Amino acid sequence: MPNSTEDGNDDALLVELATQQNRKLLLWQLAADGRTFCGIRFIAQERNLQTASIDEQVQAFADDMLSDGEIRPEYDSMADWDDLEAKHGDTADQYLQT
């Protein structure tokens, strides 16, 4: 399993997120920096889920990001998916293949 993040908890979040089998969610989380893209940790904090299980945190993130299984239009328009793919596509592949 790749470890593209600095701590094991981030890796666990990515592993759990990969179970969603949604490449765009994974690319978004890989790009999450708290400034440009707010990811799982931001949503968990907003919903007071910091002590919740990893799967609950990931599900809250997915629920926030998705509408009928697709990235919400407001998020979709914020992302340069080609750029995210270029920067994080290989890492996303590694998580999705496990």
N, C-alpha and C. Protein backbone atom coordinates (compact mmCIF):
# COMPACT_ATOMS: atom_id res chain seq x y z
N MET A 1 0.85 -1.19 0.00
CA MET A 1 0.00 0.00 0.00
C MET A 1 0.88 1.24 0.00
N PRO A 2 0.61 2.17 -0.88
CA PRO A 2 1.40 3.39 -0.91
C PRO A 2 1.16 4.21 0.34
N ASN A 3 2.16 4.98 0.71
CA ASN A 3 1.99 5.89 1.83
C ASN A 3 2.34 7.29 1.35
N SER A 4 1.40 7.91 0.68
CA SER A 4 1.63 9.22 0.10
C SER A 4 1.38 10.33 1.10
N THR A 5 0.93 9.98 2.27
CA THR A 5 0.66 10.97 3.30
C THR A 5 1.62 10.77 4.45
N GLU A 6 1.65 11.73 5.34
CA GLU A 6 2.65 11.71 6.39
C GLU A 6 2.30 10.80 7.55
N ASP A 7 1.04 10.58 7.83
CA ASP A 7 0.76 9.71 8.96
C ASP A 7 -0.18 8.58 8.59
N GLY A 8 -0.15 7.55 9.41
CA GLY A 8 -0.93 6.35 9.12
C GLY A 8 -2.42 6.59 9.08
N ASN A 9 -2.91 7.56 9.85
CA ASN A 9 -4.34 7.85 9.85
C ASN A 9 -4.77 8.38 8.49
N ASP A 10 -3.96 9.23 7.87
CA ASP A 10 -4.28 9.71 6.53
C ASP A 10 -4.32 8.54 5.55
N ASP A 11 -3.39 7.62 5.69
CA ASP A 11 -3.36 6.45 4.83
C ASP A 11 -4.62 5.62 5.05
N ALA A 12 -5.03 5.45 6.29
CA ALA A 12 -6.24 4.69 6.59
C ALA A 12 -7.47 5.36 5.98
N LEU A 13 -7.51 6.69 6.01
CA LEU A 13 -8.62 7.41 5.38
C LEU A 13 -8.65 7.14 3.88
N LEU A 14 -7.48 7.15 3.25
CA LEU A 14 -7.41 6.90 1.81
C LEU A 14 -7.80 5.46 1.47
N VAL A 15 -7.36 4.52 2.29
CA VAL A 15 -7.73 3.11 2.08
C VAL A 15 -9.24 2.96 2.15
N GLU A 16 -9.84 3.55 3.17
CA GLU A 16 -11.30 3.46 3.33
C GLU A 16 -12.00 4.18 2.18
N LEU A 17 -11.49 5.33 1.78
CA LEU A 17 -12.10 6.08 0.69
C LEU A 17 -12.06 5.30 -0.61
N ALA A 18 -11.00 4.54 -0.81
CA ALA A 18 -10.89 3.72 -2.03
C ALA A 18 -12.01 2.70 -2.13
N THR A 19 -12.59 2.29 -0.98
CA THR A 19 -13.69 1.33 -1.03
C THR A 19 -14.92 1.93 -1.70
N GLN A 20 -14.98 3.25 -1.79
CA GLN A 20 -16.09 3.92 -2.48
C GLN A 20 -16.01 3.72 -4.00
N GLN A 21 -14.81 3.35 -4.48
CA GLN A 21 -14.58 3.14 -5.91
C GLN A 21 -14.98 4.36 -6.74
N ASN A 22 -14.71 5.53 -6.21
CA ASN A 22 -14.98 6.77 -6.93
C ASN A 22 -13.67 7.51 -7.07
N ARG A 23 -13.12 7.46 -8.26
CA ARG A 23 -11.79 8.03 -8.52
C ARG A 23 -11.73 9.52 -8.19
N LYS A 24 -12.79 10.26 -8.52
CA LYS A 24 -12.77 11.70 -8.27
C LYS A 24 -12.71 12.01 -6.78
N LEU A 25 -13.41 11.25 -5.96
CA LEU A 25 -13.32 11.45 -4.51
C LEU A 25 -11.89 11.24 -4.03
N LEU A 26 -11.25 10.21 -4.55
CA LEU A 26 -9.89 9.90 -4.15
C LEU A 26 -8.93 11.00 -4.62
N LEU A 27 -9.08 11.44 -5.86
CA LEU A 27 -8.24 12.53 -6.36
C LEU A 27 -8.42 13.80 -5.51
N TRP A 28 -9.66 14.10 -5.17
CA TRP A 28 -9.94 15.28 -4.35
C TRP A 28 -9.23 15.18 -3.01
N GLN A 29 -9.37 14.02 -2.35
CA GLN A 29 -8.75 13.84 -1.04
C GLN A 29 -7.23 13.91 -1.15
N LEU A 30 -6.66 13.34 -2.20
CA LEU A 30 -5.21 13.40 -2.37
C LEU A 30 -4.73 14.84 -2.54
N ALA A 31 -5.58 15.69 -3.10
CA ALA A 31 -5.24 17.10 -3.30
C ALA A 31 -5.59 17.97 -2.10
N ALA A 32 -6.34 17.42 -1.15
CA ALA A 32 -6.82 18.21 -0.01
C ALA A 32 -5.64 18.82 0.74
N ASP A 33 -5.68 20.13 0.85
CA ASP A 33 -4.62 20.84 1.55
C ASP A 33 -5.18 21.80 2.60
N GLY A 34 -6.51 21.80 2.75
CA GLY A 34 -7.14 22.67 3.72
C GLY A 34 -7.31 24.10 3.25
N ARG A 35 -6.72 24.43 2.12
CA ARG A 35 -6.85 25.77 1.56
C ARG A 35 -7.62 25.71 0.24
N THR A 36 -7.05 25.02 -0.73
CA THR A 36 -7.69 24.90 -2.03
C THR A 36 -8.81 23.87 -1.99
N PHE A 37 -8.50 22.71 -1.43
CA PHE A 37 -9.45 21.61 -1.33
C PHE A 37 -9.56 21.18 0.12
N CYS A 38 -10.75 21.15 0.64
CA CYS A 38 -10.99 20.69 2.01
C CYS A 38 -11.49 19.25 1.94
N GLY A 39 -10.79 18.38 2.62
CA GLY A 39 -11.08 16.96 2.50
C GLY A 39 -11.78 16.36 3.70
N ILE A 40 -11.50 15.09 3.93
CA ILE A 40 -12.18 14.31 4.96
C ILE A 40 -12.04 14.95 6.34
N ARG A 41 -10.84 15.34 6.70
CA ARG A 41 -10.63 15.91 8.04
C ARG A 41 -11.45 17.19 8.23
N PHE A 42 -11.56 18.00 7.19
CA PHE A 42 -12.36 19.23 7.28
C PHE A 42 -13.83 18.90 7.51
N ILE A 43 -14.36 17.97 6.73
CA ILE A 43 -15.77 17.57 6.88
C ILE A 43 -16.00 16.96 8.25
N ALA A 44 -15.07 16.11 8.71
CA ALA A 44 -15.21 15.50 10.03
C ALA A 44 -15.25 16.57 11.12
N GLN A 45 -14.41 17.58 10.97
CA GLN A 45 -14.40 18.66 11.96
C GLN A 45 -15.70 19.45 11.90
N GLU A 46 -16.16 19.77 10.69
CA GLU A 46 -17.39 20.53 10.53
C GLU A 46 -18.59 19.80 11.13
N ARG A 47 -18.57 18.49 11.07
CA ARG A 47 -19.69 17.68 11.57
C ARG A 47 -19.43 17.09 12.95
N ASN A 48 -18.34 17.55 13.57
CA ASN A 48 -17.96 17.08 14.89
C ASN A 48 -17.80 15.55 14.93
N LEU A 49 -17.10 15.04 13.92
CA LEU A 49 -16.88 13.59 13.80
C LEU A 49 -15.41 13.21 14.00
N GLN A 50 -14.63 14.08 14.63
CA GLN A 50 -13.20 13.82 14.78
C GLN A 50 -12.93 12.51 15.52
N THR A 51 -13.80 12.13 16.42
CA THR A 51 -13.59 10.89 17.18
C THR A 51 -14.40 9.73 16.60
N ALA A 52 -15.11 9.97 15.52
CA ALA A 52 -15.88 8.90 14.88
C ALA A 52 -14.93 7.93 14.18
N SER A 53 -15.45 6.78 13.83
CA SER A 53 -14.64 5.80 13.11
C SER A 53 -14.25 6.35 11.74
N ILE A 54 -13.20 5.78 11.20
CA ILE A 54 -12.72 6.21 9.88
C ILE A 54 -13.80 6.03 8.83
N ASP A 55 -14.52 4.92 8.88
CA ASP A 55 -15.56 4.71 7.87
C ASP A 55 -16.67 5.75 7.99
N GLU A 56 -17.00 6.18 9.21
CA GLU A 56 -18.01 7.24 9.37
C GLU A 56 -17.51 8.57 8.81
N GLN A 57 -16.24 8.88 9.05
CA GLN A 57 -15.67 10.11 8.53
C GLN A 57 -15.66 10.11 7.00
N VAL A 58 -15.26 8.99 6.43
CA VAL A 58 -15.22 8.87 4.97
C VAL A 58 -16.63 8.95 4.39
N GLN A 59 -17.60 8.31 5.04
CA GLN A 59 -18.97 8.36 4.54
C GLN A 59 -19.52 9.78 4.60
N ALA A 60 -19.21 10.52 5.64
CA ALA A 60 -19.66 11.92 5.74
C ALA A 60 -19.06 12.74 4.60
N PHE A 61 -17.80 12.50 4.29
CA PHE A 61 -17.13 13.19 3.19
C PHE A 61 -17.81 12.84 1.86
N ALA A 62 -18.04 11.55 1.64
CA ALA A 62 -18.69 11.12 0.40
C ALA A 62 -20.09 11.71 0.29
N ASP A 63 -20.83 11.70 1.39
CA ASP A 63 -22.18 12.28 1.38
C ASP A 63 -22.15 13.76 1.03
N ASP A 64 -21.14 14.47 1.52
CA ASP A 64 -21.02 15.89 1.25
C ASP A 64 -20.64 16.15 -0.21
N MET A 65 -19.79 15.31 -0.75
CA MET A 65 -19.24 15.53 -2.10
C MET A 65 -20.16 15.05 -3.22
N LEU A 66 -20.99 14.07 -2.92
CA LEU A 66 -21.75 13.41 -3.98
C LEU A 66 -23.23 13.76 -3.97
N SER A 67 -23.80 13.72 -5.16
CA SER A 67 -25.24 13.81 -5.35
C SER A 67 -25.61 12.76 -6.38
N ASP A 68 -26.41 11.80 -5.98
CA ASP A 68 -26.79 10.69 -6.86
C ASP A 68 -25.57 9.98 -7.45
N GLY A 69 -24.54 9.83 -6.62
CA GLY A 69 -23.35 9.10 -7.04
C GLY A 69 -22.35 9.90 -7.87
N GLU A 70 -22.67 11.12 -8.17
CA GLU A 70 -21.77 11.98 -8.96
C GLU A 70 -21.30 13.14 -8.11
N ILE A 71 -20.11 13.66 -8.44
CA ILE A 71 -19.60 14.84 -7.73
C ILE A 71 -20.58 15.98 -7.90
N ARG A 72 -20.93 16.62 -6.81
CA ARG A 72 -21.86 17.76 -6.87
C ARG A 72 -21.31 18.81 -7.83
N PRO A 73 -22.19 19.44 -8.60
CA PRO A 73 -21.75 20.42 -9.60
C PRO A 73 -20.88 21.53 -9.02
N GLU A 74 -21.19 22.00 -7.81
CA GLU A 74 -20.40 23.09 -7.24
C GLU A 74 -18.96 22.66 -6.96
N TYR A 75 -18.76 21.37 -6.61
CA TYR A 75 -17.40 20.87 -6.40
C TYR A 75 -16.75 20.55 -7.75
N ASP A 76 -17.53 19.97 -8.64
CA ASP A 76 -17.00 19.60 -9.95
C ASP A 76 -16.44 20.82 -10.67
N SER A 77 -17.13 21.95 -10.56
CA SER A 77 -16.68 23.16 -11.26
C SER A 77 -15.44 23.77 -10.61
N MET A 78 -15.17 23.42 -9.35
CA MET A 78 -14.00 23.95 -8.65
C MET A 78 -12.71 23.22 -9.03
N ALA A 79 -12.82 22.02 -9.50
CA ALA A 79 -11.66 21.16 -9.71
C ALA A 79 -11.20 21.14 -11.16
N ASP A 80 -9.91 21.18 -11.34
CA ASP A 80 -9.31 20.92 -12.64
C ASP A 80 -8.94 19.44 -12.63
N TRP A 81 -9.87 18.62 -13.07
CA TRP A 81 -9.70 17.17 -12.95
C TRP A 81 -8.48 16.67 -13.71
N ASP A 82 -8.18 17.28 -14.85
CA ASP A 82 -6.99 16.86 -15.60
C ASP A 82 -5.72 17.12 -14.79
N ASP A 83 -5.68 18.27 -14.11
CA ASP A 83 -4.53 18.59 -13.28
C ASP A 83 -4.43 17.64 -12.09
N LEU A 84 -5.58 17.37 -11.44
CA LEU A 84 -5.57 16.44 -10.31
C LEU A 84 -5.14 15.05 -10.77
N GLU A 85 -5.60 14.66 -11.93
CA GLU A 85 -5.22 13.36 -12.49
C GLU A 85 -3.71 13.32 -12.75
N ALA A 86 -3.18 14.39 -13.32
CA ALA A 86 -1.74 14.44 -13.61
C ALA A 86 -0.91 14.38 -12.33
N LYS A 87 -1.37 15.06 -11.30
CA LYS A 87 -0.61 15.11 -10.04
C LYS A 87 -0.81 13.88 -9.17
N HIS A 88 -1.99 13.31 -9.17
CA HIS A 88 -2.32 12.28 -8.19
C HIS A 88 -2.85 10.98 -8.80
N GLY A 89 -2.91 10.89 -10.10
CA GLY A 89 -3.50 9.73 -10.75
C GLY A 89 -2.81 8.42 -10.43
N ASP A 90 -1.48 8.42 -10.40
CA ASP A 90 -0.75 7.18 -10.10
C ASP A 90 -1.04 6.70 -8.68
N THR A 91 -1.08 7.63 -7.74
CA THR A 91 -1.39 7.27 -6.36
C THR A 91 -2.81 6.76 -6.25
N ALA A 92 -3.75 7.42 -6.93
CA ALA A 92 -5.13 6.96 -6.92
C ALA A 92 -5.22 5.53 -7.46
N ASP A 93 -4.50 5.26 -8.53
CA ASP A 93 -4.48 3.90 -9.10
C ASP A 93 -4.04 2.88 -8.05
N GLN A 94 -3.00 3.22 -7.30
CA GLN A 94 -2.48 2.28 -6.31
C GLN A 94 -3.51 1.98 -5.23
N TYR A 95 -4.22 3.00 -4.78
CA TYR A 95 -5.25 2.78 -3.75
C TYR A 95 -6.44 2.02 -4.31
N LEU A 96 -6.83 2.30 -5.53
CA LEU A 96 -7.99 1.65 -6.13
C LEU A 96 -7.73 0.19 -6.48
N GLN A 97 -6.48 -0.18 -6.65
CA GLN A 97 -6.14 -1.55 -7.03
C GLN A 97 -6.01 -2.48 -5.84
N THR A 98 -6.04 -1.93 -4.64
CA THR A 98 -5.87 -2.82 -3.48
C THR A 98 -7.20 -3.29 -2.94
